[in-house]
Amino acid sequence: MNAQVQLGDIAVNVVRKDIKNVHLSVHPPTGRVTISAPSRMSLDTIRVFAISKLGWIRQQQQKLQEQERETPREFLNRESHYLWGRRYLLKVIEGNRPASVDLTHSRLLMHGRPGWDHAKKQEVLDAWYREQIRAAVPPLIAKWERLMGIKVSRFFVQHMKTKWGSCNPRARTIRLNTDLAKKPRACLEYIIVHEMTHILEPTHNARFVALMDQFMPKWQACRKELNRLPVRHESWGY
C-alpha cells in the first residue's frame, strides 16, 4: 500500500513492502524522496522517522541541485567523451565494418554503417562502456574478497538512473552502473567495496561505516570525488 507524508515543503512517498528495515532514498535529479517501510509499520511511526532524517534529506537534495550534469550527447566529431576519468575527442567513422569503438592516444573512434542514427550510436557506446566495466571488475572483486573474507556470487553491469551500485546481500550479488567506466578507476573500486560491505551489513548504520573505515580508510574522499563529477544527462521519467 502506498501513502504520502508531507514534511513542510517536502513530500515523502511511502511504499510498504515485506521487509524488516526502513529504507530512505533521495532520487535525482529533483530530490524526490521515498521511504520503503515494513508492511505493518504505522504511518505515524514512518512520519517520526522521516522527521528525524529531515536534515539529511535537505542535505542530499542540495547536493543533487548543485551537481553538474553532462550536456546531451550529440555524437559529433571532437565531442568530449571519457574513459576512467580521461578525456577523449570523438571521431565518427562510417564505412563497411561492423559497429565498434576503438581508442587511440587522444581519440575515441566510433565505427559504424553509413546513416546510423543517434540511438544506435548511444547503444554501441553504452555496450562498449559495459565491456570496460566487465573487464575491470573481476580482479577488483578477487582482491577485496581476499581482504574482506567474503565471496561475491555474481556481478551485473547495467545503466542505472539513480544509483552507482546496489547489492543483494542474501544472494551475494552486486550491480554496477555502466557510467562508472567514465569515472576514475578509484571510484569504481570504492563502489565495489561499498556494495561488498553490504554483504556483511545490509544497512548504512554505524557498523557499516566502521567496516568501510576498516577496509578503505579513504573511502569518503572517493565518495566526494564521485559526487563532484558530472553525471549523465537523463530524460527522467518522473
Protein backbone atom coordinates (compact mmCIF):
# COMPACT_ATOMS: atom_id res chain seq x y z
CA MET A 1 0.00 0.00 0.00
CA ASN A 2 1.34 3.42 -0.96
CA ALA A 3 0.88 6.65 1.00
CA GLN A 4 2.44 10.09 1.32
CA VAL A 5 3.81 12.06 4.28
CA GLN A 6 4.12 15.84 3.98
CA LEU A 7 7.01 17.50 5.85
CA GLY A 8 6.55 21.20 5.17
CA ASP A 9 7.55 21.66 1.53
CA ILE A 10 8.83 18.09 1.19
CA ALA A 11 6.50 15.29 0.08
CA VAL A 12 7.67 11.82 1.08
CA ASN A 13 6.24 8.91 -0.89
CA VAL A 14 5.81 5.82 1.30
CA VAL A 15 5.86 2.29 -0.09
CA ARG A 16 5.11 -0.59 2.28
CA LYS A 17 6.86 -3.87 1.50
CA ASP A 18 7.59 -7.24 3.05
CA ILE A 19 10.89 -6.03 4.54
CA LYS A 20 12.37 -5.75 8.04
CA ASN A 21 14.02 -2.32 7.93
CA VAL A 22 13.09 1.18 6.78
CA HIS A 23 14.92 2.48 3.69
CA LEU A 24 15.08 6.19 2.86
CA SER A 25 16.09 7.39 -0.62
CA VAL A 26 16.51 10.80 -2.25
CA HIS A 27 16.37 10.42 -6.04
CA PRO A 28 17.97 12.58 -8.74
CA PRO A 29 17.52 14.86 -10.46
CA THR A 30 14.83 16.71 -8.46
CA GLY A 31 15.41 15.24 -4.99
CA ARG A 32 12.23 13.15 -4.91
CA VAL A 33 12.00 11.36 -1.54
CA THR A 34 10.78 7.81 -0.95
CA ILE A 35 10.61 5.60 2.11
CA SER A 36 10.26 1.82 1.85
CA ALA A 37 8.83 0.56 5.14
CA PRO A 38 7.71 -2.79 6.62
CA SER A 39 4.10 -3.61 5.80
CA ARG A 40 2.89 -3.38 9.40
CA MET A 41 4.61 -0.11 10.31
CA SER A 42 2.14 2.69 11.04
CA LEU A 43 2.17 5.92 9.09
CA ASP A 44 2.75 7.88 12.31
CA THR A 45 5.90 5.86 13.02
CA ILE A 46 7.10 6.44 9.46
CA ARG A 47 6.41 10.17 9.84
CA VAL A 48 8.53 10.33 13.02
CA PHE A 49 11.35 8.52 11.21
CA ALA A 50 11.14 10.93 8.27
CA ILE A 51 11.22 13.96 10.60
CA SER A 52 14.34 12.58 12.29
CA LYS A 53 16.04 12.43 8.86
CA LEU A 54 14.84 15.83 7.62
CA GLY A 55 18.27 17.46 7.86
CA TRP A 56 19.86 14.63 5.88
CA ILE A 57 17.10 14.80 3.25
CA ARG A 58 17.66 18.53 2.70
CA GLN A 59 21.42 17.99 2.50
CA GLN A 60 21.02 15.31 -0.20
CA GLN A 61 18.57 17.46 -2.16
CA GLN A 62 21.02 20.36 -2.12
CA LYS A 63 23.82 18.08 -3.41
CA LEU A 64 21.62 16.97 -6.30
CA GLN A 65 20.76 20.54 -7.20
CA GLU A 66 24.43 21.52 -7.21
CA GLN A 67 25.81 18.50 -9.07
CA GLU A 68 26.93 19.24 -12.61
CA ARG A 69 25.30 17.29 -15.44
CA GLU A 70 26.70 16.36 -18.80
CA THR A 71 25.23 18.11 -21.81
CA PRO A 72 23.22 15.75 -24.03
CA ARG A 73 25.47 13.64 -26.25
CA GLU A 74 25.13 14.55 -29.94
CA PHE A 75 27.89 12.26 -31.26
CA LEU A 76 29.56 14.98 -33.26
CA ASN A 77 33.24 14.90 -34.21
CA ARG A 78 35.51 16.36 -31.49
CA GLU A 79 32.81 15.95 -28.83
CA SER A 80 34.31 15.07 -25.43
CA HIS A 81 33.85 11.56 -24.04
CA TYR A 82 35.53 9.96 -21.04
CA LEU A 83 37.05 6.63 -20.02
CA TRP A 84 38.41 6.11 -16.49
CA GLY A 85 38.38 9.85 -15.92
CA ARG A 86 40.44 10.67 -19.02
CA ARG A 87 39.04 12.86 -21.82
CA TYR A 88 38.94 11.66 -25.41
CA LEU A 89 37.73 13.50 -28.52
CA LEU A 90 35.16 11.62 -30.57
CA LYS A 91 35.66 10.74 -34.22
CA VAL A 92 32.74 9.05 -36.02
CA ILE A 93 33.85 6.87 -38.95
CA GLU A 94 31.25 5.48 -41.35
CA GLY A 95 32.15 2.52 -43.53
CA ASN A 96 31.50 -1.15 -44.17
CA ARG A 97 32.86 -2.54 -40.89
CA PRO A 98 30.54 -3.53 -38.01
CA ALA A 99 29.79 -1.01 -35.26
CA SER A 100 32.65 -0.79 -32.77
CA VAL A 101 34.62 1.58 -30.56
CA ASP A 102 38.42 1.95 -30.50
CA LEU A 103 40.80 4.19 -28.59
CA THR A 104 43.88 5.98 -29.79
CA HIS A 105 46.15 8.22 -27.74
CA SER A 106 43.57 11.02 -27.53
CA ARG A 107 40.67 9.92 -29.75
CA LEU A 108 37.62 7.73 -29.24
CA LEU A 109 36.82 6.23 -32.64
CA MET A 110 33.26 5.06 -33.33
CA HIS A 111 32.92 2.89 -36.42
CA GLY A 112 29.54 2.16 -37.98
CA ARG A 113 27.49 1.72 -41.13
CA PRO A 114 26.59 4.83 -43.18
CA GLY A 115 23.50 6.63 -41.94
CA TRP A 116 23.39 5.08 -38.46
CA ASP A 117 21.27 7.20 -36.10
CA HIS A 118 21.79 8.75 -32.67
CA ALA A 119 20.09 5.87 -30.85
CA LYS A 120 22.36 3.29 -32.48
CA LYS A 121 25.48 5.29 -31.61
CA GLN A 122 24.34 5.55 -27.98
CA GLU A 123 23.64 1.82 -27.92
CA VAL A 124 27.09 0.99 -29.28
CA LEU A 125 28.88 3.31 -26.86
CA ASP A 126 26.90 2.02 -23.85
CA ALA A 127 27.73 -1.57 -24.80
CA TRP A 128 31.42 -0.64 -25.05
CA TYR A 129 31.34 1.01 -21.62
CA ARG A 130 29.70 -2.13 -20.17
CA GLU A 131 32.54 -4.22 -21.57
CA GLN A 132 35.13 -1.91 -19.96
CA ILE A 133 33.44 -2.43 -16.59
CA ARG A 134 33.11 -6.19 -17.06
CA ALA A 135 36.82 -6.44 -17.80
CA ALA A 136 37.87 -4.24 -14.87
CA VAL A 137 35.66 -5.73 -12.14
CA PRO A 138 36.79 -9.39 -11.68
CA PRO A 139 40.33 -8.64 -10.43
CA LEU A 140 38.96 -5.98 -8.07
CA ILE A 141 36.36 -8.35 -6.63
CA ALA A 142 39.01 -11.06 -6.23
CA LYS A 143 41.29 -8.59 -4.42
CA TRP A 144 38.59 -7.50 -1.98
CA GLU A 145 37.24 -11.00 -1.43
CA ARG A 146 40.67 -11.87 -0.01
CA LEU A 147 40.85 -8.72 2.10
CA MET A 148 37.26 -8.87 3.39
CA GLY A 149 36.90 -12.61 3.77
CA ILE A 150 33.67 -12.83 1.77
CA LYS A 151 32.55 -14.14 -1.61
CA VAL A 152 30.53 -12.43 -4.34
CA SER A 153 28.47 -14.99 -6.23
CA ARG A 154 27.88 -12.82 -9.29
CA PHE A 155 28.03 -9.23 -10.53
CA PHE A 156 25.93 -7.39 -13.11
CA VAL A 157 26.58 -4.23 -15.12
CA GLN A 158 23.69 -2.07 -16.29
CA HIS A 159 22.62 1.50 -16.87
CA MET A 160 21.18 2.83 -13.60
CA LYS A 161 19.49 6.23 -13.35
CA THR A 162 19.58 6.75 -9.60
CA LYS A 163 22.43 4.64 -8.16
CA TRP A 164 26.08 3.90 -8.77
CA GLY A 165 25.58 0.37 -7.48
CA SER A 166 23.41 -1.96 -5.44
CA CYS A 167 23.74 -5.22 -3.52
CA ASN A 168 21.57 -8.22 -2.76
CA PRO A 169 23.17 -9.43 0.49
CA ARG A 170 21.23 -12.70 0.61
CA ALA A 171 22.18 -13.69 -2.95
CA ARG A 172 25.65 -12.11 -2.57
CA THR A 173 25.28 -10.32 -5.90
CA ILE A 174 26.19 -6.74 -6.78
CA ARG A 175 25.08 -4.44 -9.62
CA LEU A 176 27.23 -1.66 -11.03
CA ASN A 177 26.31 1.37 -13.11
CA THR A 178 27.72 1.35 -16.65
CA ASP A 179 28.66 5.03 -16.29
CA LEU A 180 31.33 4.15 -13.72
CA ALA A 181 33.55 3.46 -16.73
CA LYS A 182 33.65 7.23 -17.31
CA LYS A 183 34.98 7.95 -13.82
CA PRO A 184 38.46 7.42 -12.34
CA ARG A 185 39.20 3.77 -11.57
CA ALA A 186 39.36 4.58 -7.85
CA CYS A 187 35.64 5.44 -7.99
CA LEU A 188 34.79 2.01 -9.40
CA GLU A 189 36.84 0.32 -6.69
CA TYR A 190 35.12 2.39 -3.99
CA ILE A 191 31.66 1.39 -5.24
CA ILE A 192 32.69 -2.29 -5.37
CA VAL A 193 33.93 -2.16 -1.77
CA HIS A 194 30.78 -0.27 -0.71
CA GLU A 195 28.48 -2.89 -2.23
CA MET A 196 30.55 -5.82 -0.96
CA THR A 197 30.40 -4.35 2.54
CA HIS A 198 26.61 -4.61 2.29
CA ILE A 199 27.03 -8.39 2.24
CA LEU A 200 28.35 -8.01 5.79
CA GLU A 201 25.99 -5.19 6.81
CA PRO A 202 22.87 -4.53 4.67
CA THR A 203 22.12 -1.06 6.07
CA HIS A 204 24.09 2.20 6.25
CA ASN A 205 24.37 2.07 10.04
CA ALA A 206 27.33 2.71 12.33
CA ARG A 207 28.65 -0.83 11.78
CA PHE A 208 28.65 -0.29 8.01
CA VAL A 209 30.64 2.96 8.39
CA ALA A 210 33.10 1.22 10.75
CA LEU A 211 33.61 -1.60 8.25
CA MET A 212 34.21 0.88 5.43
CA ASP A 213 36.71 2.75 7.61
CA GLN A 214 38.46 -0.56 8.28
CA PHE A 215 38.62 -1.79 4.70
CA MET A 216 39.11 1.52 2.85
CA PRO A 217 40.18 4.34 5.20
CA LYS A 218 39.98 6.98 2.43
CA TRP A 219 36.55 5.91 1.16
CA GLN A 220 34.89 9.21 1.99
CA ALA A 221 37.34 11.06 -0.27
CA CYS A 222 36.42 8.67 -3.10
CA ARG A 223 32.72 9.27 -2.46
CA LYS A 224 33.25 13.03 -2.52
CA GLU A 225 35.15 12.79 -5.82
CA LEU A 226 32.40 10.66 -7.38
CA ASN A 227 29.70 13.07 -6.24
CA ARG A 228 31.67 16.03 -7.60
CA LEU A 229 31.98 14.69 -11.14
CA PRO A 230 29.29 15.39 -13.77
CA VAL A 231 26.60 12.74 -14.20
CA ARG A 232 24.83 11.71 -17.39
CA HIS A 233 22.13 13.92 -18.81
CA GLU A 234 18.85 11.99 -18.49
CA SER A 235 15.28 12.31 -19.66
CA TRP A 236 13.88 11.36 -16.28
CA GLY A 237 10.57 9.51 -16.23
CA TYR A 238 9.13 11.21 -13.17
